[in-house]
Amino acid sequence: MRHTNRETSTQTLTRLIKALDAKHPVTITYLKEEKDQAGRKTGRLVETVRTIELYDVVVSAAGDILLKAMDRETGEARTFRLDRIEAYTVHRSAYVVARPAADAKPARTTGLATVTVLYPVDCPATARVQLLADALAA
């Protein structure tokens, strides 16, 4: 298990992108915002453990790095903020949860910025992270 407080966010993101490329699931210890009985957010963060299958990495308009993944427990698509991941383990097994269809029209999402980064198909994960960081800085 790797603890994110012992490595930079770039190192964490690089390892998670490598897991995405290899289609290896990741178990994360994550801080999610607690909700009350009415479903309203309380502002309190609670720790949860999830095994996820990554399928995309995006950046929000606020500058947060978001990991889009399928949750193995529920089989649903979820979004996780990189800065709220406390620890993670990359597994060697394969993905088992079906992903949303690539040609399906995505739901309208507000607050997300689009950053287009072009790189060669065989570009290593570390180089892709650096290209993404450069694009965000621009």
Protein backbone atom coordinates (compact mmCIF):
# COMPACT_ATOMS: atom_id res chain seq x y z
CA MET A 1 0.00 0.00 0.00
CA ARG A 2 1.33 3.42 -0.94
CA HIS A 3 0.50 6.43 1.21
CA THR A 4 0.01 9.63 -0.77
CA ASN A 5 1.48 11.79 2.00
CA ARG A 6 4.83 10.08 1.33
CA GLU A 7 4.98 10.92 -2.37
CA THR A 8 4.22 13.86 -4.64
CA SER A 9 0.89 14.12 -6.43
CA THR A 10 2.84 13.70 -9.68
CA GLN A 11 4.20 10.34 -8.50
CA THR A 12 0.74 9.24 -7.40
CA LEU A 13 -0.83 10.32 -10.68
CA THR A 14 1.93 8.59 -12.68
CA ARG A 15 1.34 5.28 -10.89
CA LEU A 16 -2.43 5.56 -11.31
CA ILE A 17 -2.09 6.32 -15.03
CA LYS A 18 0.16 3.27 -15.37
CA ALA A 19 -2.56 1.20 -13.66
CA LEU A 20 -5.10 2.68 -16.10
CA ASP A 21 -2.90 1.77 -19.09
CA ALA A 22 -2.40 -1.78 -17.82
CA LYS A 23 -6.10 -2.07 -16.88
CA HIS A 24 -5.25 -3.01 -13.30
CA PRO A 25 -7.80 -2.21 -10.57
CA VAL A 26 -6.78 0.00 -7.67
CA THR A 27 -7.95 -0.13 -4.06
CA ILE A 28 -8.02 3.37 -2.57
CA THR A 29 -8.50 4.78 0.89
CA TYR A 30 -10.51 7.89 0.13
CA LEU A 31 -11.95 10.83 2.05
CA LYS A 32 -15.51 11.41 0.89
CA GLU A 33 -17.88 14.10 2.02
CA GLU A 34 -20.46 12.82 4.46
CA LYS A 35 -24.17 13.26 3.74
CA ASP A 36 -27.01 13.56 6.22
CA GLN A 37 -30.24 11.54 6.11
CA ALA A 38 -31.77 14.00 3.64
CA GLY A 39 -28.83 13.53 1.26
CA ARG A 40 -27.28 16.95 1.90
CA LYS A 41 -23.52 17.27 2.29
CA THR A 42 -22.43 17.99 5.87
CA GLY A 43 -18.92 19.24 5.10
CA ARG A 44 -17.35 16.48 7.19
CA LEU A 45 -14.96 14.06 5.47
CA VAL A 46 -15.17 10.35 6.26
CA GLU A 47 -12.73 7.65 5.23
CA THR A 48 -13.88 4.90 2.86
CA VAL A 49 -12.12 2.06 1.06
CA ARG A 50 -13.05 1.36 -2.57
CA THR A 51 -11.71 -0.87 -5.30
CA ILE A 52 -11.99 1.00 -8.58
CA GLU A 53 -11.24 0.51 -12.26
CA LEU A 54 -9.96 3.75 -13.79
CA TYR A 55 -11.06 4.83 -17.25
CA ASP A 56 -10.28 8.57 -17.47
CA VAL A 57 -8.39 11.44 -15.85
CA VAL A 58 -9.77 14.99 -16.14
CA VAL A 59 -9.15 18.38 -14.58
CA SER A 60 -11.98 20.41 -13.04
CA ALA A 61 -12.43 24.13 -13.62
CA ALA A 62 -11.20 24.60 -10.05
CA GLY A 63 -7.95 22.83 -10.98
CA ASP A 64 -8.62 19.55 -9.16
CA ILE A 65 -7.43 16.36 -10.83
CA LEU A 66 -10.38 13.99 -11.06
CA LEU A 67 -10.17 10.24 -11.61
CA LYS A 68 -13.15 8.71 -13.36
CA ALA A 69 -13.59 5.08 -12.46
CA MET A 70 -16.00 2.22 -12.13
CA ASP A 71 -16.67 1.24 -8.51
CA ARG A 72 -16.41 -2.54 -8.15
CA GLU A 73 -18.78 -2.63 -5.18
CA THR A 74 -21.68 -0.86 -6.89
CA GLY A 75 -20.76 -1.28 -10.58
CA GLU A 76 -21.41 2.45 -11.08
CA ALA A 77 -19.24 5.18 -12.56
CA ARG A 78 -17.73 7.44 -9.89
CA THR A 79 -15.40 10.43 -9.79
CA PHE A 80 -12.62 10.74 -7.21
CA ARG A 81 -10.45 13.77 -6.44
CA LEU A 82 -6.75 12.92 -6.46
CA ASP A 83 -6.06 15.12 -3.43
CA ARG A 84 -8.55 13.13 -1.31
CA ILE A 85 -6.85 9.77 -1.87
CA GLU A 86 -4.92 8.89 1.29
CA ALA A 87 -3.49 5.52 0.22
CA TYR A 88 -3.75 3.12 -2.70
CA THR A 89 -2.76 -0.35 -3.88
CA VAL A 90 -2.47 -1.29 -7.54
CA HIS A 91 -3.54 -4.88 -8.18
CA ARG A 92 -2.26 -7.23 -10.88
CA SER A 93 -5.68 -8.61 -11.81
CA ALA A 94 -7.76 -7.45 -14.78
CA TYR A 95 -10.83 -5.21 -15.00
CA VAL A 96 -14.19 -6.97 -14.54
CA VAL A 97 -16.77 -4.13 -14.47
CA ALA A 98 -18.29 -3.00 -17.78
CA ARG A 99 -17.52 0.60 -18.66
CA PRO A 100 -19.89 3.23 -20.07
CA ALA A 101 -20.04 3.05 -23.86
CA ALA A 102 -17.45 5.35 -25.44
CA ASP A 103 -19.89 6.51 -28.11
CA ALA A 104 -22.65 7.26 -25.59
CA LYS A 105 -23.32 10.95 -25.12
CA PRO A 106 -21.85 11.99 -21.74
CA ALA A 107 -24.10 13.59 -19.17
CA ARG A 108 -23.85 17.37 -19.03
CA THR A 109 -21.26 18.20 -16.38
CA THR A 110 -20.78 21.70 -15.06
CA GLY A 111 -17.56 23.08 -13.65
CA LEU A 112 -15.16 21.03 -15.76
CA ALA A 113 -12.50 22.57 -17.95
CA THR A 114 -11.28 20.73 -21.03
CA VAL A 115 -7.55 20.45 -21.54
CA THR A 116 -6.45 18.89 -24.82
CA VAL A 117 -3.05 17.27 -24.64
CA LEU A 118 -1.66 15.49 -27.68
CA TYR A 119 1.10 12.91 -27.30
CA PRO A 120 2.35 9.87 -29.21
CA VAL A 121 0.55 6.58 -28.56
CA ASP A 122 3.70 5.01 -27.12
CA CYS A 123 4.41 8.00 -24.83
CA PRO A 124 5.32 6.77 -21.31
CA ALA A 125 3.02 7.67 -18.41
CA THR A 126 5.61 9.92 -16.79
CA ALA A 127 5.91 11.97 -19.98
CA ARG A 128 2.10 12.21 -20.24
CA VAL A 129 1.87 13.54 -16.69
CA GLN A 130 4.49 16.19 -17.49
CA LEU A 131 2.66 17.16 -20.71
CA LEU A 132 -0.59 17.45 -18.73
CA ALA A 133 1.11 19.60 -16.08
CA ASP A 134 2.57 21.85 -18.79
CA ALA A 135 -0.84 22.21 -20.45
CA LEU A 136 -2.47 23.13 -17.14
CA ALA A 137 0.20 25.72 -16.43
CA ALA A 138 -0.38 27.39 -19.83
